[in-house]
């Protein structure tokens, strides 16, 4: 998914099945964000493999290409990921990367939780090289303050204004894994931060307690009451990469070992109960992992028009937190497969399984 001759990766690779059973793969768009996540994982490969993945560059060199892009980067999350990569690869222009993050991260302005977490992870990674203590404390405190009441889960944004009021209680899986990872890394990088570790631990314990019987990491949560709003789609990247890399980082920081939940998530990739149930009803159960194509299909979802189930459950739980609208499960069964694959899946996979003390 590397774009030949460039400094980026595609946004997605989409598959279309031909009548004879073969696949046509189409590359669509490009993504600075996915390029940065890819290098965060590829840095752990032997250099020969880095060169193969990153168009003839090693991880530090490819990070340098991304750092050169920073003056034109307008998205805080993209800048934070590049700075994180610069810190982990030891790039000499780390300070420049952090300054771009600071310029985009306006004090007092709410940010999306995922991007705020990436800022903290970047600062934690830079801690041993650059004096970032004041900024790190502010980034850490912002995440801790974002939680609603005594809920262990994180909302979709760190403050009001970015999310419509009627769905401000709805947070996604990424809103949980990236903060718990960032807070664990902040604790591990600075000689100890019990409050950050406790928040990471509480979030991890809750999403593991809510994990599906088939190992599913669910998609939408009620950040106020720490319950599931709507489980689907279930994303492959959550199962094999994002949950493992966050939970492994927590264990490396001295937190609980949630490896049983990680194993459950991995089993879902090869034993997908949603597709098995569909096959029993007469459909063909297709695999999510296609080694011959080098892809993992992106998700299993309901196929409901305009994401109707998510919208209905988001609105209903705003008023009645435990509302389930169970007839929707019968009408819109989760048996559809999104035949796309994005490079960040493999970036986080490499980060999960090759990086850190446990690997």
Protein backbone atom coordinates (compact mmCIF):
# COMPACT_ATOMS: atom_id res chain seq x y z
CA UNK A 1 0.00 0.00 0.00
CA UNK A 2 3.04 2.26 -0.25
CA UNK A 3 2.74 4.83 -3.04
CA UNK A 4 5.81 4.25 -5.25
CA UNK A 5 8.20 7.19 -5.50
CA UNK A 6 6.44 9.12 -2.76
CA UNK A 7 6.41 9.64 0.97
CA UNK A 8 2.97 8.31 1.74
CA UNK A 9 0.65 5.32 1.74
CA UNK A 10 -2.76 4.80 0.22
CA UNK A 11 -5.86 5.54 2.25
CA UNK A 12 -7.43 2.18 1.46
CA UNK A 13 -7.26 -0.87 -0.76
CA UNK A 14 -10.69 -2.07 -1.86
CA UNK A 15 -11.45 -5.55 -3.17
CA UNK A 16 -14.04 -6.56 -5.74
CA UNK A 17 -14.77 -10.22 -6.42
CA UNK A 18 -14.94 -11.43 -10.02
CA UNK A 19 -17.39 -14.16 -11.12
CA UNK A 20 -14.52 -16.65 -11.34
CA UNK A 21 -13.60 -16.11 -7.69
CA UNK A 22 -10.57 -13.91 -8.28
CA UNK A 23 -10.19 -10.44 -6.77
CA UNK A 24 -9.51 -7.04 -8.22
CA UNK A 25 -7.78 -4.67 -5.79
CA UNK A 26 -8.09 -0.91 -6.20
CA UNK A 27 -5.91 1.62 -4.38
CA UNK A 28 -7.84 4.72 -3.26
CA UNK A 29 -6.56 8.02 -1.96
CA UNK A 30 -3.53 8.70 0.22
CA UNK A 31 -3.13 9.29 3.95
CA UNK A 32 -0.41 11.08 5.90
CA UNK A 33 -1.93 9.69 9.09
CA UNK A 34 -1.73 6.10 7.92
CA UNK A 35 1.83 6.65 6.70
CA UNK A 36 2.85 7.81 10.19
CA UNK A 37 1.16 4.83 11.87
CA UNK A 38 2.83 2.48 9.40
CA UNK A 39 6.29 3.79 10.27
CA UNK A 40 5.51 3.53 14.00
CA UNK A 41 5.11 -0.19 13.44
CA UNK A 42 7.68 -0.74 10.72
CA UNK A 43 10.46 0.69 12.91
CA UNK A 44 10.55 -2.67 14.73
CA UNK A 45 11.31 -4.65 11.59
CA UNK A 46 14.88 -5.55 10.63
CA UNK A 47 16.28 -2.78 8.45
CA UNK A 48 16.08 -4.89 5.30
CA UNK A 49 12.35 -5.28 5.87
CA UNK A 50 11.96 -1.57 6.66
CA UNK A 51 13.46 -0.78 3.26
CA UNK A 52 11.00 -3.13 1.59
CA UNK A 53 7.97 -1.67 3.37
CA UNK A 54 8.94 2.00 3.19
CA UNK A 55 9.98 2.38 -0.44
CA UNK A 56 13.73 2.01 0.08
CA UNK A 57 13.88 4.08 3.28
CA UNK A 58 14.52 2.93 6.80
CA UNK A 59 12.13 4.10 9.51
CA UNK A 60 14.14 7.17 10.51
CA UNK A 61 14.57 8.27 6.90
CA UNK A 62 10.88 7.83 6.13
CA UNK A 63 9.98 9.73 9.28
CA UNK A 64 12.20 12.53 8.00
CA UNK A 65 10.07 12.72 4.85
CA UNK A 66 6.99 13.07 7.02
CA UNK A 67 8.65 15.74 9.19
CA UNK A 68 9.35 17.74 6.02
CA UNK A 69 5.61 17.74 5.38
CA UNK A 70 4.74 19.22 8.76
CA UNK A 71 4.54 22.90 7.78
CA UNK A 72 1.61 21.98 5.52
CA UNK A 73 -0.06 19.62 8.02
CA UNK A 74 -3.23 21.14 9.48
CA UNK A 75 -4.56 18.21 11.47
CA UNK A 76 -3.42 17.83 15.08
CA UNK A 77 -3.63 14.04 15.02
CA UNK A 78 -1.46 13.75 11.91
CA UNK A 79 1.15 16.07 13.42
CA UNK A 80 1.15 14.20 16.73
CA UNK A 81 1.68 10.85 15.02
CA UNK A 82 4.60 12.24 13.03
CA UNK A 83 6.12 13.66 16.21
CA UNK A 84 5.61 10.32 17.95
CA UNK A 85 7.43 8.58 15.10
CA UNK A 86 10.22 11.18 15.24
CA UNK A 87 10.65 10.52 18.95
CA UNK A 88 10.72 6.75 18.61
CA UNK A 89 13.08 6.69 15.63
CA UNK A 90 15.44 9.26 17.14
CA UNK A 91 15.00 11.76 14.34
CA UNK A 92 17.15 14.89 14.79
CA UNK A 93 14.25 17.22 13.98
CA UNK A 94 12.07 15.98 16.81
CA UNK A 95 11.93 19.46 18.35
CA UNK A 96 10.60 20.89 15.08
CA UNK A 97 7.93 18.21 14.97
CA UNK A 98 6.86 18.96 18.54
CA UNK A 99 6.67 22.66 17.77
CA UNK A 100 4.25 21.96 14.94
CA UNK A 101 2.11 19.94 17.34
CA UNK A 102 2.17 22.83 19.82
CA UNK A 103 1.12 25.30 17.12
CA UNK A 104 -1.91 23.17 16.20
CA UNK A 105 -2.88 22.31 19.78
CA UNK A 106 -4.38 25.63 20.84
CA UNK A 107 -4.63 25.96 24.61
CA UNK A 108 -8.19 25.69 25.93
CA UNK A 109 -9.62 24.42 22.65
CA UNK A 110 -11.44 21.06 22.83
CA UNK A 111 -9.87 18.30 20.78
CA UNK A 112 -11.03 14.91 19.62
CA UNK A 113 -10.00 12.39 22.25
CA UNK A 114 -8.05 10.20 19.84
CA UNK A 115 -5.91 13.12 18.73
CA UNK A 116 -5.43 14.35 22.29
CA UNK A 117 -4.21 10.86 23.20
CA UNK A 118 -1.73 10.83 20.33
CA UNK A 119 -0.36 14.15 21.58
CA UNK A 120 0.28 12.59 24.98
CA UNK A 121 1.89 9.50 23.45
CA UNK A 122 4.18 11.70 21.36
CA UNK A 123 5.23 13.74 24.38
CA UNK A 124 5.81 10.62 26.46
CA UNK A 125 8.02 9.19 23.72
CA UNK A 126 9.98 12.47 23.51
CA UNK A 127 10.42 12.79 27.26
CA UNK A 128 13.94 11.39 27.39
CA UNK A 129 15.20 13.66 24.61
CA UNK A 130 13.40 17.01 24.92
CA UNK A 131 12.04 18.92 27.91
CA UNK A 132 8.31 18.44 27.48
CA UNK A 133 7.20 18.19 31.10
CA UNK A 134 4.88 21.19 31.18
CA UNK A 135 3.18 20.22 27.95
CA UNK A 136 2.99 16.56 28.93
CA UNK A 137 1.30 17.42 32.23
CA UNK A 138 -1.26 19.54 30.40
CA UNK A 139 -1.94 16.79 27.85
CA UNK A 140 -2.26 14.18 30.58
CA UNK A 141 -4.60 16.35 32.66
CA UNK A 142 -6.76 17.10 29.62
CA UNK A 143 -7.47 13.40 29.10
CA UNK A 144 -8.20 12.77 32.76
CA UNK A 145 -10.58 15.75 32.97
CA UNK A 146 -12.43 14.66 29.84
CA UNK A 147 -14.10 11.72 31.58
CA UNK A 148 -17.71 12.22 32.60
CA UNK A 149 -18.38 11.81 36.32
CA UNK A 150 -16.92 8.59 37.67
CA UNK A 151 -17.11 6.70 34.38
CA UNK A 152 -13.88 4.89 33.48
CA UNK A 153 -14.51 5.44 29.77
CA UNK A 154 -13.48 8.42 27.67
CA UNK A 155 -15.84 10.57 25.56
CA UNK A 156 -15.38 11.33 21.87
CA UNK A 157 -14.03 14.83 22.56
CA UNK A 158 -12.21 16.47 25.46
CA UNK A 159 -14.81 19.23 25.78
CA UNK A 160 -18.08 20.54 24.32
CA UNK A 161 -18.40 22.01 20.87
CA UNK A 162 -17.07 19.26 18.60
CA UNK A 163 -19.89 16.73 18.93
CA UNK A 164 -23.66 17.43 18.64
CA UNK A 165 -25.40 17.39 22.01
CA UNK A 166 -27.62 14.45 21.14
CA UNK A 167 -24.66 12.13 20.66
CA UNK A 168 -22.13 13.69 22.99
CA UNK A 169 -22.44 10.64 25.24
CA UNK A 170 -21.40 8.26 22.45
CA UNK A 171 -17.73 7.30 22.23
CA UNK A 172 -16.02 4.76 20.01
CA UNK A 173 -13.51 1.99 20.67
CA UNK A 174 -10.61 4.17 19.52
CA UNK A 175 -11.65 6.76 22.12
CA UNK A 176 -10.80 4.12 24.73
CA UNK A 177 -7.69 2.36 23.42
CA UNK A 178 -5.61 5.41 22.51
CA UNK A 179 -6.11 7.21 25.86
CA UNK A 180 -5.46 4.08 27.93
CA UNK A 181 -2.32 3.50 25.88
CA UNK A 182 -1.15 7.12 26.20
CA UNK A 183 -1.72 7.26 29.95
CA UNK A 184 0.11 3.96 30.44
CA UNK A 185 3.03 5.28 28.39
CA UNK A 186 3.06 8.53 30.35
CA UNK A 187 3.29 6.53 33.58
CA UNK A 188 6.07 4.30 32.24
CA UNK A 189 8.12 7.11 30.72
CA UNK A 190 8.41 9.38 33.74
CA UNK A 191 9.22 7.27 36.75
CA UNK A 192 5.61 6.71 37.74
CA UNK A 193 2.23 8.43 37.59
CA UNK A 194 -0.21 6.38 39.69
CA UNK A 195 -3.24 8.45 38.68
CA UNK A 196 -2.54 8.01 34.99
CA UNK A 197 -1.94 4.28 35.43
CA UNK A 198 -5.15 3.89 37.44
CA UNK A 199 -7.19 5.65 34.74
CA UNK A 200 -5.62 3.45 32.06
CA UNK A 201 -6.29 0.35 34.12
CA UNK A 202 -9.93 1.27 34.80
CA UNK A 203 -10.65 1.91 31.13
CA UNK A 204 -9.01 -1.34 30.08
CA UNK A 205 -10.87 -3.34 32.71
CA UNK A 206 -14.19 -1.93 31.56
CA UNK A 207 -13.79 -2.55 27.83
CA UNK A 208 -12.56 -6.07 28.62
CA UNK A 209 -15.58 -6.68 30.84
CA UNK A 210 -17.82 -5.54 27.96
CA UNK A 211 -16.04 -7.66 25.33
CA UNK A 212 -18.39 -9.87 23.33
CA UNK A 213 -18.72 -13.61 23.89
CA UNK A 214 -17.05 -14.17 20.52
CA UNK A 215 -14.13 -11.91 21.41
CA UNK A 216 -15.64 -8.85 19.75
CA UNK A 217 -14.33 -5.42 20.68
CA UNK A 218 -17.48 -3.36 20.36
CA UNK A 219 -17.66 -0.06 18.50
CA UNK A 220 -19.84 2.48 20.36
CA UNK A 221 -20.03 3.05 24.12
CA UNK A 222 -21.95 5.31 26.48
CA UNK A 223 -19.14 7.37 27.98
CA UNK A 224 -21.38 8.47 30.85
CA UNK A 225 -22.42 5.06 32.12
CA UNK A 226 -19.70 2.83 30.65
CA UNK A 227 -22.02 0.55 28.70
CA UNK A 228 -22.31 -0.50 25.06
CA UNK A 229 -24.53 1.64 22.82
CA UNK A 230 -24.07 -0.35 19.60
CA UNK A 231 -21.62 -3.16 18.99
CA UNK A 232 -21.29 -3.09 15.22
CA UNK A 233 -19.30 -2.77 13.10
CA UNK A 234 -16.60 -5.01 14.55
CA UNK A 235 -13.31 -3.92 12.99
CA UNK A 236 -10.43 -6.28 12.24
CA UNK A 237 -7.86 -3.66 13.25
CA UNK A 238 -9.34 -3.55 16.74
CA UNK A 239 -9.09 -7.30 17.10
CA UNK A 240 -5.55 -7.96 15.92
CA UNK A 241 -3.82 -4.62 16.44
CA UNK A 242 -5.36 -1.72 18.36
CA UNK A 243 -6.57 -3.64 21.41
CA UNK A 244 -3.34 -5.66 21.66
CA UNK A 245 -0.98 -2.68 21.33
CA UNK A 246 -2.87 -0.66 23.98
CA UNK A 247 -3.30 -3.53 26.44
CA UNK A 248 0.29 -4.72 26.00
CA UNK A 249 1.51 -1.17 26.71
CA UNK A 250 -0.56 -1.16 29.89
CA UNK A 251 0.98 -4.47 30.99
CA UNK A 252 4.46 -3.18 30.16
CA UNK A 253 3.77 -0.14 32.37
CA UNK A 254 2.99 -2.38 35.35
CA UNK A 255 -0.74 -2.73 34.86
CA UNK A 256 -2.91 -5.82 34.65
CA UNK A 257 -2.20 -8.50 32.07
CA UNK A 258 -5.29 -8.67 29.84
CA UNK A 259 -3.82 -11.27 27.51
CA UNK A 260 -6.88 -13.53 27.82
CA UNK A 261 -9.02 -10.76 26.31
CA UNK A 262 -6.41 -10.21 23.61
CA UNK A 263 -6.51 -13.90 22.71
CA UNK A 264 -10.29 -13.77 22.55
CA UNK A 265 -10.09 -10.86 20.15
CA UNK A 266 -7.63 -12.71 17.93
CA UNK A 267 -9.83 -15.81 17.78
CA UNK A 268 -12.63 -13.69 16.33
CA UNK A 269 -10.45 -13.05 13.25
CA UNK A 270 -10.54 -16.72 12.22
CA UNK A 271 -13.78 -17.84 13.87
CA UNK A 272 -16.23 -15.05 13.15
CA UNK A 273 -19.52 -16.03 14.79
CA UNK A 274 -21.51 -13.46 12.81
CA UNK A 275 -20.38 -15.02 9.52
CA UNK A 276 -20.74 -18.56 10.82
CA UNK A 277 -24.36 -17.84 11.69
CA UNK A 278 -24.87 -16.44 8.20
CA UNK A 279 -23.33 -19.57 6.66
CA UNK A 280 -25.65 -21.78 8.66
CA UNK A 281 -28.52 -19.87 7.07
CA UNK A 282 -27.22 -20.77 3.62
CA UNK A 283 -24.75 -18.01 2.78
CA UNK A 284 -21.06 -18.57 2.05
CA UNK A 285 -18.85 -17.73 5.04
CA UNK A 286 -15.86 -15.89 3.66
CA UNK A 287 -12.59 -15.47 5.57
CA UNK A 288 -11.43 -12.06 6.79
CA UNK A 289 -7.74 -12.89 6.38
CA UNK A 290 -6.61 -13.36 2.78
CA UNK A 291 -2.89 -14.06 2.83
CA UNK A 292 -2.71 -14.41 -0.95
CA UNK A 293 -3.90 -10.81 -1.32
CA UNK A 294 -2.03 -9.42 1.69
CA UNK A 295 -5.22 -8.04 3.23
CA UNK A 296 -7.52 -8.39 6.21
CA UNK A 297 -11.01 -7.25 5.31
CA UNK A 298 -11.88 -4.17 7.30
CA UNK A 299 -15.02 -5.04 9.25
CA UNK A 300 -18.19 -7.04 9.76
CA UNK A 301 -21.26 -4.81 9.85
CA UNK A 302 -25.02 -4.77 9.69
CA UNK A 303 -25.48 -3.34 6.21
CA UNK A 304 -28.25 -1.10 7.53
CA UNK A 305 -29.03 1.94 5.34
CA UNK A 306 -27.28 5.14 6.44
CA UNK A 307 -26.07 3.44 9.65
CA UNK A 308 -29.64 3.52 10.92
CA UNK A 309 -29.11 1.18 13.88
CA UNK A 310 -26.22 3.23 15.27
CA UNK A 311 -28.20 6.43 14.85
CA UNK A 312 -31.31 5.02 16.50
CA UNK A 313 -29.42 3.59 19.45
CA UNK A 314 -27.36 6.72 19.86
CA UNK A 315 -30.48 8.86 20.07
CA UNK A 316 -32.44 6.49 22.29
CA UNK A 317 -29.63 6.00 24.82
CA UNK A 318 -29.31 9.75 25.17
CA UNK A 319 -32.69 9.68 26.92
CA UNK A 320 -32.90 6.08 28.15
CA UNK A 321 -29.36 4.83 28.79
CA UNK A 322 -30.27 1.14 28.80
CA UNK A 323 -32.48 1.24 25.72
CA UNK A 324 -31.54 -1.58 23.31
CA UNK A 325 -34.23 -1.48 20.58
CA UNK A 326 -33.72 -5.23 20.23
CA UNK A 327 -35.97 -5.70 17.15
CA UNK A 328 -33.25 -3.94 15.17
CA UNK A 329 -30.98 -6.95 15.75
CA UNK A 330 -33.43 -9.20 13.92
CA UNK A 331 -33.98 -6.88 10.98
CA UNK A 332 -30.34 -5.87 10.48
CA UNK A 333 -28.10 -8.84 11.23
CA UNK A 334 -24.34 -8.23 11.21
CA UNK A 335 -23.45 -10.45 8.27
CA UNK A 336 -21.97 -7.99 5.77
CA UNK A 337 -18.21 -7.76 5.12
CA UNK A 338 -16.48 -4.49 4.23
CA UNK A 339 -13.89 -5.59 1.67
CA UNK A 340 -11.38 -2.86 2.30
CA UNK A 341 -8.00 -2.89 4.00
CA UNK A 342 -6.03 0.11 5.25
CA UNK A 343 -2.29 0.36 5.95
CA UNK A 344 -2.66 1.47 9.55
CA UNK A 345 -3.99 -2.00 10.35
CA UNK A 346 -0.54 -3.43 9.71
CA UNK A 347 1.27 -0.48 11.30
CA UNK A 348 -0.49 -1.06 14.61
CA UNK A 349 -0.15 -4.82 14.20
CA UNK A 350 3.64 -4.52 13.99
CA UNK A 351 3.62 -2.04 16.87
CA UNK A 352 1.60 -4.46 19.00
CA UNK A 353 3.50 -7.65 18.34
CA UNK A 354 7.11 -6.49 17.80
CA UNK A 355 7.50 -3.48 20.10
CA UNK A 356 7.68 -3.25 23.89
CA UNK A 357 9.02 -5.21 26.81
CA UNK A 358 6.65 -8.17 26.47
CA UNK A 359 7.36 -8.99 22.83
